[in-house]
């Protein structure tokens, strides 16, 4: 059983209290645990935007493992803490593994991990295991570290092999979570080559070790585990983390700020945060402050004021998170000045490379290089012909903060009146632009339909659905301009498709309108796609009428099944 002191250090009470849902992901992780217990090692890649909740998910899962007395050994290592040099990596990797092993074996008095990161105390603690694998590894580690020029490749291989040697000797499976796994590439600065090839070899030779690789540098991480040229290609199952659904967002708000009971206030929180858990928590807390300290009603208007204060005040959590992401990302990219200019332009509207080149007065190839740099650090992504921000909240912050718009922690409501109008206008524009980009993506998905059988649950239908081959897929607009259909796909079957990409559930009224405007085309299938899902009444209506429905998660899964890859 995990000790309370250890638990508080690893997973503090305030984090545990607000952990919300992620039931689908926890169910998958629980299944992996059962497979590991049956002697079948597992490999999983988990990724998502920064503070989307991947580390919290892993901590929740690990805590459950330790609390229930799982027979295996869970090991959590954040690689950002240990990749400063090959020497520190080897000592940290081995030290953290021993630290977690001691906890799993019930030695909670050894819960302070610091003792495992000095070679002499590491030797003392390690030899207490009385395991030959530990003694051999630590002796080799100490001997190498004592040399003026250690064999760094040997240290890397020694560290990566250690969990398997320990697990085999203990007769227990080890579940090794490597958070911020992409940071392992930093060791290449020391002349270490083919790190991922070595890791793959260790992975394949470790039947007693299961791996969870987690990353928040989406572009780099996905290339590491998903590019066909990467040594890790096809080696891991994948679990991308999306923002919360509206239901989960509202549940999280209820945990953080139970005062916000008004339905419109909660829906406004969903709209402004997009379900990003970190923003949801910050906004809910700021709303509580305004309700209690300024005696405001917990209304949608108060939520908008709270968002502006937390995003535009240097004291705000959202402000500081956006500033951190902005500064750190630009530091990692090359071309600081032009990149800032591009980010400011994209904060106003999504743009094509040719338009950016014209506005910056540089060549298109030069702009493409800058855009690749920004994609590499996950500030922007490409949808169709347009480039856009991954994160609409960061987009709003850049648009305002880079032109000097800030507010104090307790501004008067009159000061915020003009900013509220800008907030609504910018979020409506961003939603419209993103919807157009998503319509393009959906048409590309339709063009990949080739008779595949896919799980019906991805389309809100029982059983399986056969995806027909279409001869043409185009948007439709009536001659009088009164009727628009996002996609009209024609082949052996005719499908009409509607896309609503905004931070609110689709209603039954919207589905009724969709049915009415497609009637003259006599489609075989109607497919309605809503980013944030559907109201209960809309779901019932869709089932009764045989309308296919998909939300953001199911559309993303369907895209992968038919071979289309887009940004989140």
Protein backbone atom coordinates (compact mmCIF):
# COMPACT_ATOMS: atom_id res chain seq x y z
CA UNK A 1 0.00 0.00 0.00
CA UNK A 2 1.26 3.48 -0.81
CA UNK A 3 2.04 5.71 2.16
CA UNK A 4 0.23 9.03 2.56
CA UNK A 5 3.45 11.04 2.69
CA UNK A 6 4.65 9.48 -0.55
CA UNK A 7 1.24 9.96 -2.14
CA UNK A 8 1.14 13.64 -1.19
CA UNK A 9 4.54 14.22 -2.82
CA UNK A 10 3.70 12.29 -5.98
CA UNK A 11 0.03 13.24 -6.36
CA UNK A 12 -1.01 16.10 -4.01
CA UNK A 13 -4.45 16.18 -2.48
CA UNK A 14 -5.59 19.27 -4.42
CA UNK A 15 -4.87 17.44 -7.68
CA UNK A 16 -6.63 14.27 -6.56
CA UNK A 17 -9.71 16.22 -5.51
CA UNK A 18 -10.28 17.70 -8.96
CA UNK A 19 -9.45 14.65 -11.08
CA UNK A 20 -12.45 14.23 -13.36
CA UNK A 21 -13.66 11.41 -15.59
CA UNK A 22 -11.14 10.16 -18.23
CA UNK A 23 -13.05 6.89 -17.83
CA UNK A 24 -12.30 5.73 -21.37
CA UNK A 25 -8.58 6.20 -20.83
CA UNK A 26 -8.62 4.62 -17.36
CA UNK A 27 -10.53 1.62 -18.72
CA UNK A 28 -7.83 1.13 -21.35
CA UNK A 29 -5.07 1.44 -18.74
CA UNK A 30 -6.85 -1.03 -16.47
CA UNK A 31 -7.03 -3.48 -19.39
CA UNK A 32 -3.28 -3.05 -19.95
CA UNK A 33 -2.70 -3.79 -16.26
CA UNK A 34 -4.63 -7.05 -16.59
CA UNK A 35 -2.67 -8.01 -19.69
CA UNK A 36 0.62 -7.28 -17.90
CA UNK A 37 -0.49 -9.40 -14.94
CA UNK A 38 -1.11 -12.27 -17.37
CA UNK A 39 2.47 -12.10 -18.64
CA UNK A 40 1.74 -10.11 -21.81
CA UNK A 41 3.91 -6.94 -21.86
CA UNK A 42 2.26 -3.79 -23.19
CA UNK A 43 3.53 -0.72 -25.06
CA UNK A 44 1.48 2.49 -25.09
CA UNK A 45 2.11 6.04 -26.36
CA UNK A 46 0.11 8.87 -24.73
CA UNK A 47 0.26 12.43 -26.00
CA UNK A 48 -1.57 15.74 -25.93
CA UNK A 49 -1.10 19.48 -25.59
CA UNK A 50 0.69 20.79 -22.51
CA UNK A 51 -1.47 20.58 -19.36
CA UNK A 52 -4.12 18.59 -21.17
CA UNK A 53 -3.98 16.14 -18.26
CA UNK A 54 -1.72 13.28 -19.38
CA UNK A 55 0.51 13.41 -16.28
CA UNK A 56 -2.54 13.67 -14.02
CA UNK A 57 -4.06 10.63 -15.75
CA UNK A 58 -0.88 8.62 -15.20
CA UNK A 59 -0.64 9.68 -11.56
CA UNK A 60 -4.26 8.71 -10.97
CA UNK A 61 -3.64 5.31 -12.57
CA UNK A 62 -0.39 4.72 -10.65
CA UNK A 63 -2.05 5.68 -7.37
CA UNK A 64 -4.80 3.14 -7.99
CA UNK A 65 -2.20 0.47 -8.76
CA UNK A 66 -0.29 1.14 -5.56
CA UNK A 67 -3.41 1.49 -3.40
CA UNK A 68 -4.82 -1.85 -4.51
CA UNK A 69 -1.51 -3.62 -3.91
CA UNK A 70 -0.82 -4.58 -7.53
CA UNK A 71 1.74 -7.36 -7.80
CA UNK A 72 3.81 -5.50 -10.38
CA UNK A 73 6.15 -2.55 -9.95
CA UNK A 74 5.00 0.80 -11.41
CA UNK A 75 7.87 3.21 -12.14
CA UNK A 76 7.36 6.86 -13.10
CA UNK A 77 10.26 8.90 -14.52
CA UNK A 78 9.96 12.43 -15.92
CA UNK A 79 12.79 12.57 -18.44
CA UNK A 80 12.96 16.37 -18.27
CA UNK A 81 14.56 15.89 -14.84
CA UNK A 82 17.31 13.46 -15.90
CA UNK A 83 18.53 14.32 -19.42
CA UNK A 84 20.96 17.10 -18.52
CA UNK A 85 23.84 14.73 -19.37
CA UNK A 86 24.32 11.01 -20.09
CA UNK A 87 25.84 10.60 -16.62
CA UNK A 88 22.85 12.18 -14.88
CA UNK A 89 20.50 10.24 -17.13
CA UNK A 90 22.00 6.90 -16.15
CA UNK A 91 22.01 7.69 -12.45
CA UNK A 92 18.50 9.19 -12.53
CA UNK A 93 16.99 6.37 -14.60
CA UNK A 94 18.40 3.69 -12.33
CA UNK A 95 17.73 5.76 -9.19
CA UNK A 96 14.07 6.38 -9.97
CA UNK A 97 13.58 2.69 -10.80
CA UNK A 98 15.02 1.66 -7.44
CA UNK A 99 12.99 4.34 -5.65
CA UNK A 100 9.70 3.06 -7.07
CA UNK A 101 10.70 -0.55 -6.49
CA UNK A 102 11.28 0.16 -2.81
CA UNK A 103 7.82 1.74 -2.56
CA UNK A 104 6.15 -1.23 -4.26
CA UNK A 105 7.91 -3.61 -1.90
CA UNK A 106 6.49 -1.72 1.08
CA UNK A 107 9.61 0.21 2.12
CA UNK A 108 7.80 3.53 2.45
CA UNK A 109 10.43 4.89 4.78
CA UNK A 110 12.57 5.27 1.65
CA UNK A 111 9.97 7.50 0.02
CA UNK A 112 12.27 10.52 -0.32
CA UNK A 113 13.77 10.08 -3.79
CA UNK A 114 16.70 12.46 -3.31
CA UNK A 115 18.84 9.76 -1.76
CA UNK A 116 18.89 7.90 -5.08
CA UNK A 117 20.67 10.63 -7.03
CA UNK A 118 24.04 10.66 -5.35
CA UNK A 119 26.22 7.73 -6.34
CA UNK A 120 27.42 6.88 -2.83
CA UNK A 121 23.99 6.89 -1.20
CA UNK A 122 22.61 5.14 -4.28
CA UNK A 123 25.12 2.36 -3.72
CA UNK A 124 24.07 2.09 -0.07
CA UNK A 125 20.37 1.97 -0.86
CA UNK A 126 20.83 -0.24 -3.88
CA UNK A 127 22.91 -2.92 -2.18
CA UNK A 128 20.17 -3.17 0.44
CA UNK A 129 18.12 -4.97 -2.22
CA UNK A 130 20.55 -7.90 -2.16
CA UNK A 131 19.84 -8.44 -5.85
CA UNK A 132 22.72 -9.39 -8.13
CA UNK A 133 21.33 -7.32 -11.01
CA UNK A 134 21.28 -4.21 -8.79
CA UNK A 135 24.79 -4.77 -7.43
CA UNK A 136 26.19 -5.38 -10.92
CA UNK A 137 24.53 -2.30 -12.42
CA UNK A 138 25.51 -0.01 -9.57
CA UNK A 139 29.11 -1.23 -9.53
CA UNK A 140 29.41 -0.62 -13.27
CA UNK A 141 27.76 2.78 -12.90
CA UNK A 142 30.10 3.84 -10.09
CA UNK A 143 33.18 2.67 -12.00
CA UNK A 144 32.19 4.60 -15.14
CA UNK A 145 31.34 7.75 -13.25
CA UNK A 146 34.74 7.65 -11.55
CA UNK A 147 36.50 7.83 -14.92
CA UNK A 148 37.64 11.12 -16.41
CA UNK A 149 35.87 10.20 -19.67
CA UNK A 150 33.04 7.74 -19.00
CA UNK A 151 31.78 5.50 -21.80
CA UNK A 152 28.52 7.33 -22.40
CA UNK A 153 27.05 4.75 -24.74
CA UNK A 154 27.68 2.10 -22.10
CA UNK A 155 25.96 4.28 -19.48
CA UNK A 156 22.92 4.72 -21.72
CA UNK A 157 22.63 1.01 -22.45
CA UNK A 158 23.20 0.17 -18.76
CA UNK A 159 20.37 2.46 -17.67
CA UNK A 160 17.86 1.36 -20.32
CA UNK A 161 18.53 -2.33 -19.61
CA UNK A 162 18.26 -2.00 -15.84
CA UNK A 163 14.45 -2.31 -15.42
CA UNK A 164 14.40 -5.64 -17.30
CA UNK A 165 17.30 -7.04 -15.27
CA UNK A 166 15.63 -5.98 -12.03
CA UNK A 167 12.16 -7.21 -13.01
CA UNK A 168 13.50 -10.60 -14.10
CA UNK A 169 15.36 -11.12 -10.85
CA UNK A 170 12.45 -9.96 -8.69
CA UNK A 171 10.02 -12.13 -10.62
CA UNK A 172 7.66 -9.16 -10.97
CA UNK A 173 6.46 -7.27 -14.05
CA UNK A 174 7.56 -3.64 -14.23
CA UNK A 175 5.37 -0.92 -15.72
CA UNK A 176 7.70 1.90 -16.71
CA UNK A 177 6.19 5.30 -17.53
CA UNK A 178 8.58 7.71 -19.23
CA UNK A 179 6.97 11.14 -19.15
CA UNK A 180 8.11 13.78 -21.68
CA UNK A 181 9.77 10.94 -23.56
CA UNK A 182 10.79 13.21 -26.45
CA UNK A 183 13.41 14.75 -24.13
CA UNK A 184 15.56 11.64 -24.55
CA UNK A 185 16.66 13.11 -27.87
CA UNK A 186 18.52 15.83 -25.92
CA UNK A 187 21.22 13.23 -25.25
CA UNK A 188 22.21 13.45 -28.92
CA UNK A 189 23.99 16.69 -28.03
CA UNK A 190 26.65 14.50 -26.39
CA UNK A 191 27.41 12.56 -29.57
CA UNK A 192 25.15 9.61 -28.77
CA UNK A 193 23.73 8.29 -32.03
CA UNK A 194 20.74 6.06 -32.84
CA UNK A 195 19.15 6.55 -29.42
CA UNK A 196 15.71 5.47 -30.62
CA UNK A 197 17.16 2.40 -32.33
CA UNK A 198 18.82 1.41 -29.05
CA UNK A 199 15.60 2.05 -27.15
CA UNK A 200 13.67 -0.15 -29.58
CA UNK A 201 16.21 -2.95 -29.15
CA UNK A 202 15.90 -2.71 -25.35
CA UNK A 203 12.10 -2.58 -25.63
CA UNK A 204 11.99 -5.74 -27.73
CA UNK A 205 14.37 -7.56 -25.38
CA UNK A 206 12.43 -6.70 -22.20
CA UNK A 207 9.62 -9.24 -21.71
CA UNK A 208 9.25 -8.27 -18.04
CA UNK A 209 8.87 -4.53 -18.70
CA UNK A 210 5.83 -2.73 -20.10
CA UNK A 211 6.14 0.87 -21.27
CA UNK A 212 3.95 3.98 -21.24
CA UNK A 213 5.66 6.72 -23.23
CA UNK A 214 4.07 10.14 -22.72
CA UNK A 215 4.77 13.42 -24.47
CA UNK A 216 3.47 16.96 -24.80
CA UNK A 217 5.62 18.02 -27.77
CA UNK A 218 3.00 16.68 -30.16
CA UNK A 219 4.81 17.10 -33.48
CA UNK A 220 8.14 15.67 -32.29
CA UNK A 221 6.53 12.92 -30.23
CA UNK A 222 4.20 11.78 -33.01
CA UNK A 223 7.13 11.64 -35.40
CA UNK A 224 9.09 9.54 -32.90
CA UNK A 225 6.36 6.93 -32.49
CA UNK A 226 4.39 7.24 -35.74
CA UNK A 227 6.72 8.09 -38.62
CA UNK A 228 7.47 5.04 -40.76
CA UNK A 229 11.16 5.97 -40.74
CA UNK A 230 11.35 6.02 -36.93
CA UNK A 231 12.72 2.92 -35.16
CA UNK A 232 9.64 3.04 -32.91
CA UNK A 233 7.16 2.88 -35.79
CA UNK A 234 4.40 0.30 -35.16
CA UNK A 235 5.89 -0.57 -31.75
CA UNK A 236 3.25 1.06 -29.55
CA UNK A 237 -0.48 1.40 -29.17
CA UNK A 238 -1.57 5.04 -29.27
CA UNK A 239 -3.72 7.08 -26.91
CA UNK A 240 -4.06 10.77 -27.87
CA UNK A 241 -5.66 12.89 -25.15
CA UNK A 242 -8.34 15.34 -26.27
CA UNK A 243 -9.90 18.24 -24.35
CA UNK A 244 -12.84 17.41 -22.11
CA UNK A 245 -16.33 16.94 -23.48
CA UNK A 246 -18.91 19.53 -22.35
CA UNK A 247 -20.23 17.06 -19.76
CA UNK A 248 -16.78 16.43 -18.30
CA UNK A 249 -15.95 20.14 -18.41
CA UNK A 250 -19.07 20.94 -16.40
CA UNK A 251 -18.25 18.15 -13.94
CA UNK A 252 -14.77 19.61 -13.43
CA UNK A 253 -16.27 23.08 -12.89
CA UNK A 254 -18.57 21.61 -10.24
CA UNK A 255 -15.54 20.20 -8.39
CA UNK A 256 -13.53 23.43 -8.51
CA UNK A 257 -16.31 26.01 -8.16
CA UNK A 258 -19.59 24.51 -6.93
CA UNK A 259 -20.99 28.06 -6.81
CA UNK A 260 -21.28 28.08 -10.60
CA UNK A 261 -24.63 26.36 -10.90
CA UNK A 262 -26.06 28.52 -13.69
CA UNK A 263 -26.33 26.49 -16.92
CA UNK A 264 -25.37 29.45 -19.14
CA UNK A 265 -22.33 30.21 -16.98
CA UNK A 266 -21.09 26.64 -17.29
CA UNK A 267 -21.73 26.61 -21.04
CA UNK A 268 -19.80 29.87 -21.38
CA UNK A 269 -16.90 28.24 -19.53
CA UNK A 270 -16.99 25.40 -22.05
CA UNK A 271 -16.98 27.85 -24.96
CA UNK A 272 -14.06 29.94 -23.71
CA UNK A 273 -11.79 27.08 -22.58
CA UNK A 274 -12.60 24.54 -25.30
CA UNK A 275 -12.57 21.90 -22.57
CA UNK A 276 -8.83 22.28 -21.89
CA UNK A 277 -8.64 21.10 -18.24
CA UNK A 278 -5.97 23.58 -17.15
CA UNK A 279 -7.94 26.55 -18.49
CA UNK A 280 -11.16 25.18 -17.00
CA UNK A 281 -9.60 25.02 -13.52
CA UNK A 282 -8.04 28.49 -13.79
CA UNK A 283 -11.26 30.05 -15.08
CA UNK A 284 -13.41 28.36 -12.44
CA UNK A 285 -11.11 29.54 -9.64
CA UNK A 286 -11.02 33.11 -10.96
CA UNK A 287 -14.82 33.11 -11.24
CA UNK A 288 -15.01 32.03 -7.58
CA UNK A 289 -12.80 34.97 -6.60
CA UNK A 290 -15.03 37.42 -8.42
CA UNK A 291 -18.17 35.91 -6.91
CA UNK A 292 -16.87 36.01 -3.34
CA UNK A 293 -14.64 39.10 -3.36
CA UNK A 294 -16.60 41.35 -5.73
CA UNK A 295 -20.03 40.08 -4.78
CA UNK A 296 -20.91 39.21 -8.39
CA UNK A 297 -23.50 36.67 -9.45
CA UNK A 298 -22.05 33.39 -10.85
CA UNK A 299 -23.43 34.21 -14.31
CA UNK A 300 -22.16 33.91 -17.88
CA UNK A 301 -21.21 37.60 -17.75
CA UNK A 302 -19.08 37.00 -14.66
CA UNK A 303 -17.41 34.05 -16.39
CA UNK A 304 -16.47 36.33 -19.31
CA UNK A 305 -15.05 38.92 -16.89
CA UNK A 306 -13.12 36.18 -15.08
CA UNK A 307 -11.67 34.91 -18.35
CA UNK A 308 -10.47 38.39 -19.32
CA UNK A 309 -8.90 39.00 -15.92
CA UNK A 310 -7.12 35.64 -15.77
CA UNK A 311 -5.95 35.85 -19.39
CA UNK A 312 -4.93 39.52 -19.54
CA UNK A 313 -3.67 40.17 -16.01
CA UNK A 314 0.00 39.33 -15.32
CA UNK A 315 -1.27 37.84 -12.04
CA UNK A 316 -3.52 35.40 -13.88
CA UNK A 317 -2.78 31.68 -14.21
CA UNK A 318 -3.87 31.59 -17.86
CA UNK A 319 -1.77 34.68 -18.63
CA UNK A 320 1.36 33.12 -17.16
CA UNK A 321 0.78 29.74 -18.79
CA UNK A 322 0.31 31.36 -22.21
CA UNK A 323 3.39 33.53 -21.68
CA UNK A 324 5.42 30.46 -20.70
CA UNK A 325 4.30 28.50 -23.78
CA UNK A 326 4.90 31.48 -26.06
CA UNK A 327 8.37 32.32 -24.69
CA UNK A 328 9.65 28.75 -24.36
CA UNK A 329 8.38 27.71 -27.79
CA UNK A 330 9.97 30.70 -29.52
CA UNK A 331 13.24 30.08 -27.71
CA UNK A 332 13.29 26.53 -29.08
CA UNK A 333 12.53 27.64 -32.62
CA UNK A 334 14.89 29.57 -34.89
CA UNK A 335 14.03 32.96 -36.38
CA UNK A 336 12.67 34.71 -33.30
CA UNK A 337 11.64 38.02 -34.92
CA UNK A 338 9.84 36.69 -38.03
CA UNK A 339 8.16 33.96 -35.98
CA UNK A 340 6.68 36.56 -33.64
CA UNK A 341 5.38 38.48 -36.65
CA UNK A 342 3.74 35.36 -38.08
CA UNK A 343 2.14 34.52 -34.73
CA UNK A 344 0.69 38.01 -34.49
CA UNK A 345 -0.77 37.73 -38.01
CA UNK A 346 -2.25 34.30 -37.28
CA UNK A 347 -3.73 35.65 -34.06
CA UNK A 348 -5.90 37.89 -36.25
CA UNK A 349 -6.98 35.20 -38.74
CA UNK A 350 -5.96 31.87 -40.22
CA UNK A 351 -3.82 32.44 -43.30
CA UNK A 352 -2.31 30.77 -46.36
CA UNK A 353 1.50 30.78 -46.75
CA UNK A 354 1.24 32.96 -49.87
CA UNK A 355 -0.71 35.60 -47.95
CA UNK A 356 1.78 35.55 -45.07
CA UNK A 357 4.67 35.90 -47.52
CA UNK A 358 3.04 38.91 -49.15
CA UNK A 359 2.29 40.60 -45.82
CA UNK A 360 5.80 39.96 -44.48
CA UNK A 361 7.42 40.85 -47.83
CA UNK A 362 9.47 37.66 -47.99
CA UNK A 363 9.45 34.68 -50.35
CA UNK A 364 6.99 31.81 -49.97
CA UNK A 365 9.81 29.25 -49.33
CA UNK A 366 11.09 31.48 -46.53
CA UNK A 367 7.64 31.64 -44.94
CA UNK A 368 7.27 27.86 -45.27
CA UNK A 369 10.49 27.45 -43.30
CA UNK A 370 9.17 29.70 -40.53
CA UNK A 371 5.85 27.84 -40.47
CA UNK A 372 7.64 24.50 -40.15
CA UNK A 373 9.57 25.90 -37.18
CA UNK A 374 6.32 26.95 -35.51
CA UNK A 375 4.72 23.58 -36.24
CA UNK A 376 7.74 21.86 -34.74
CA UNK A 377 7.13 23.54 -31.37
CA UNK A 378 3.35 22.93 -31.55
CA UNK A 379 2.24 26.55 -31.67
CA UNK A 380 0.43 26.16 -34.98
CA UNK A 381 -0.88 23.43 -37.27
CA UNK A 382 -2.09 23.17 -40.85
CA UNK A 383 -5.72 22.55 -41.80
CA UNK A 384 -6.27 22.39 -45.55
CA UNK A 385 -4.49 25.38 -47.10
CA UNK A 386 -4.59 27.41 -43.89
CA UNK A 387 -2.32 27.63 -40.89
CA UNK A 388 -3.88 28.21 -37.47
CA UNK A 389 -3.17 28.06 -33.75
CA UNK A 390 -3.51 24.74 -31.96
CA UNK A 391 -4.89 26.61 -28.95
CA UNK A 392 -7.58 29.32 -29.33
CA UNK A 393 -6.91 30.67 -25.83
CA UNK A 394 -3.22 31.18 -26.65
CA UNK A 395 -4.33 32.82 -29.90
CA UNK A 396 -6.45 35.32 -27.97
CA UNK A 397 -3.62 36.00 -25.50
CA UNK A 398 -1.12 36.67 -28.31
CA UNK A 399 -3.57 38.98 -30.08
CA UNK A 400 -4.03 41.06 -26.94
CA UNK A 401 -0.81 40.80 -24.93
CA UNK A 402 1.58 41.42 -27.83
CA UNK A 403 -0.02 44.83 -28.43
CA UNK A 404 0.18 45.75 -24.76
CA UNK A 405 -3.40 45.08 -23.64
CA UNK A 406 -3.30 44.09 -19.97
CA UNK A 407 -5.61 44.54 -16.99
CA UNK A 408 -5.10 44.53 -13.25
CA UNK A 409 -6.23 41.68 -10.99
CA UNK A 410 -9.36 43.60 -9.88
CA UNK A 411 -10.42 45.87 -12.76
CA UNK A 412 -13.67 47.83 -12.74
CA UNK A 413 -16.42 46.36 -14.87
CA UNK A 414 -16.42 49.53 -17.01
CA UNK A 415 -12.79 48.83 -17.98
CA UNK A 416 -13.73 45.40 -19.26
CA UNK A 417 -16.80 46.38 -21.28
CA UNK A 418 -14.88 47.02 -24.51
CA UNK A 419 -12.74 43.93 -24.02
CA UNK A 420 -15.84 41.74 -23.61
CA UNK A 421 -16.97 42.81 -27.09
CA UNK A 422 -13.53 41.97 -28.51
CA UNK A 423 -13.56 38.62 -26.71
CA UNK A 424 -16.89 37.61 -28.26
CA UNK A 425 -15.90 38.84 -31.72
CA UNK A 426 -12.55 37.04 -31.71
CA UNK A 427 -13.93 33.74 -30.42
CA UNK A 428 -16.78 33.82 -32.92
CA UNK A 429 -14.32 34.51 -35.75
CA UNK A 430 -11.97 31.76 -34.59
CA UNK A 431 -14.87 29.31 -34.37
CA UNK A 432 -15.99 30.21 -37.90
CA UNK A 433 -12.47 29.85 -39.34
CA UNK A 434 -11.90 26.54 -37.58
CA UNK A 435 -15.26 25.28 -38.82
CA UNK A 436 -14.26 26.01 -42.44
CA UNK A 437 -10.97 24.16 -41.94
CA UNK A 438 -12.76 21.20 -40.38
CA UNK A 439 -15.20 21.06 -43.32
CA UNK A 440 -12.18 20.68 -45.63
CA UNK A 441 -10.85 17.87 -43.43
CA UNK A 442 -14.18 16.04 -43.46
CA UNK A 443 -14.31 16.18 -47.25
CA UNK A 444 -10.81 14.67 -47.36
CA UNK A 445 -12.00 11.87 -45.05
CA UNK A 446 -14.98 11.18 -47.32
CA UNK A 447 -12.65 10.91 -50.32
CA UNK A 448 -10.79 8.12 -48.50
CA UNK A 449 -13.91 5.95 -48.16
CA UNK A 450 -13.28 2.74 -50.12
CA UNK A 451 -15.72 0.17 -48.78
CA UNK A 452 -14.04 -0.18 -45.37
CA UNK A 453 -15.99 -1.73 -42.51
CA UNK A 454 -15.70 0.49 -39.42
CA UNK A 455 -17.19 0.28 -35.90
CA UNK A 456 -20.67 1.79 -35.99
CA UNK A 457 -20.07 3.55 -32.66
CA UNK A 458 -17.84 6.04 -34.53
CA UNK A 459 -20.94 7.11 -36.45
CA UNK A 460 -23.54 6.69 -33.71
CA UNK A 461 -24.83 3.49 -35.27
CA UNK A 462 -25.04 -0.11 -33.98
CA UNK A 463 -22.87 -2.87 -35.43
CA UNK A 464 -20.54 -1.89 -38.26
CA UNK A 465 -20.91 0.62 -41.08
CA UNK A 466 -19.64 0.09 -44.63
CA UNK A 467 -18.05 3.26 -46.01
CA UNK A 468 -19.03 3.62 -49.70
CA UNK A 469 -16.74 4.75 -52.50
CA UNK A 470 -17.67 8.24 -53.73
CA UNK A 471 -17.02 9.59 -57.23
CA UNK A 472 -17.32 13.21 -56.12
CA UNK A 473 -17.19 15.03 -52.79
CA UNK A 474 -17.92 18.75 -52.89
CA UNK A 475 -19.63 21.46 -50.85
CA UNK A 476 -23.04 22.46 -52.17
CA UNK A 477 -24.69 25.86 -52.45
CA UNK A 478 -28.10 26.39 -54.03
CA UNK A 479 -28.36 28.82 -56.98
CA UNK A 480 -30.17 31.35 -54.81
CA UNK A 481 -27.57 31.01 -52.05
CA UNK A 482 -30.17 30.07 -49.45
CA UNK A 483 -29.06 26.48 -48.84
CA UNK A 484 -25.51 25.35 -48.08
CA UNK A 485 -24.38 21.78 -47.40
CA UNK A 486 -20.85 21.27 -46.11
CA UNK A 487 -20.31 18.09 -48.15
CA UNK A 488 -22.42 16.32 -50.74
CA UNK A 489 -20.74 12.97 -51.52
CA UNK A 490 -22.01 11.07 -54.59
CA UNK A 491 -21.32 7.52 -55.72
CA UNK A 492 -23.31 4.30 -55.38
CA UNK A 493 -24.76 6.13 -52.38
CA UNK A 494 -25.34 9.83 -51.73
CA UNK A 495 -24.31 11.24 -48.37
CA UNK A 496 -25.06 14.75 -47.10
CA UNK A 497 -22.79 16.00 -44.33
CA UNK A 498 -23.05 18.88 -41.86
CA UNK A 499 -20.11 20.05 -39.69
CA UNK A 500 -20.56 22.14 -36.53
CA UNK A 501 -17.13 22.82 -35.02
CA UNK A 502 -17.78 24.92 -31.95
CA UNK A 503 -17.75 24.58 -28.19
CA UNK A 504 -21.39 23.61 -27.67
CA UNK A 505 -23.49 20.51 -28.18
CA UNK A 506 -25.59 20.19 -31.31
CA UNK A 507 -29.32 20.51 -30.62
CA UNK A 508 -32.31 18.65 -32.00
CA UNK A 509 -33.35 21.86 -33.77
CA UNK A 510 -30.11 21.85 -35.77
CA UNK A 511 -30.66 18.25 -36.80
CA UNK A 512 -34.21 19.06 -37.92
CA UNK A 513 -32.90 21.93 -40.06
CA UNK A 514 -30.30 19.64 -41.58
CA UNK A 515 -32.96 17.11 -42.53
CA UNK A 516 -35.12 19.84 -44.09
CA UNK A 517 -32.39 21.42 -46.23
CA UNK A 518 -31.13 18.10 -47.63
CA UNK A 519 -34.54 16.69 -48.52
CA UNK A 520 -34.44 17.62 -52.24
CA UNK A 521 -31.17 15.72 -52.72
CA UNK A 522 -32.71 12.44 -51.46
CA UNK A 523 -29.48 11.29 -49.78
CA UNK A 524 -29.13 7.69 -48.66
CA UNK A 525 -27.32 8.85 -45.52
CA UNK A 526 -27.20 11.99 -43.39
CA UNK A 527 -24.06 12.49 -41.33
CA UNK A 528 -23.93 15.26 -38.70
CA UNK A 529 -20.60 16.05 -37.06
CA UNK A 530 -20.44 18.13 -33.87
CA UNK A 531 -17.15 18.87 -32.13
CA UNK A 532 -18.64 18.78 -28.63
CA UNK A 533 -21.24 16.06 -29.19
CA UNK A 534 -25.02 16.14 -29.01
CA UNK A 535 -27.77 16.92 -26.54
CA UNK A 536 -29.78 13.89 -25.31
CA UNK A 537 -32.76 15.01 -27.42
CA UNK A 538 -30.54 15.32 -30.50
CA UNK A 539 -29.15 11.81 -29.96
CA UNK A 540 -32.65 10.37 -29.67
CA UNK A 541 -33.76 12.19 -32.82
CA UNK A 542 -30.70 10.91 -34.73
CA UNK A 543 -31.36 7.33 -33.68
CA UNK A 544 -35.04 7.54 -34.68
CA UNK A 545 -34.21 9.02 -38.11
CA UNK A 546 -31.13 6.91 -38.81
CA UNK A 547 -28.84 9.95 -38.91
CA UNK A 548 -25.15 9.17 -38.47
CA UNK A 549 -23.50 11.33 -35.78
CA UNK A 550 -19.87 11.83 -34.72
CA UNK A 551 -18.08 14.02 -32.20
CA UNK A 552 -14.45 15.20 -32.18
CA UNK A 553 -13.05 11.98 -30.71
CA UNK A 554 -14.92 9.59 -33.01
CA UNK A 555 -14.12 11.71 -36.09
CA UNK A 556 -10.42 11.62 -35.20
CA UNK A 557 -10.55 7.82 -34.81
CA UNK A 558 -12.40 7.46 -38.11
CA UNK A 559 -9.81 9.66 -39.85
CA UNK A 560 -7.00 7.40 -38.65
CA UNK A 561 -8.86 4.28 -39.80
CA UNK A 562 -9.20 5.59 -43.35
CA UNK A 563 -5.67 6.97 -43.44
CA UNK A 564 -6.14 10.72 -43.02
CA UNK A 565 -3.89 12.60 -40.57
CA UNK A 566 -4.69 16.11 -39.32
CA UNK A 567 -3.83 18.23 -36.28
CA UNK A 568 -6.08 18.00 -33.18
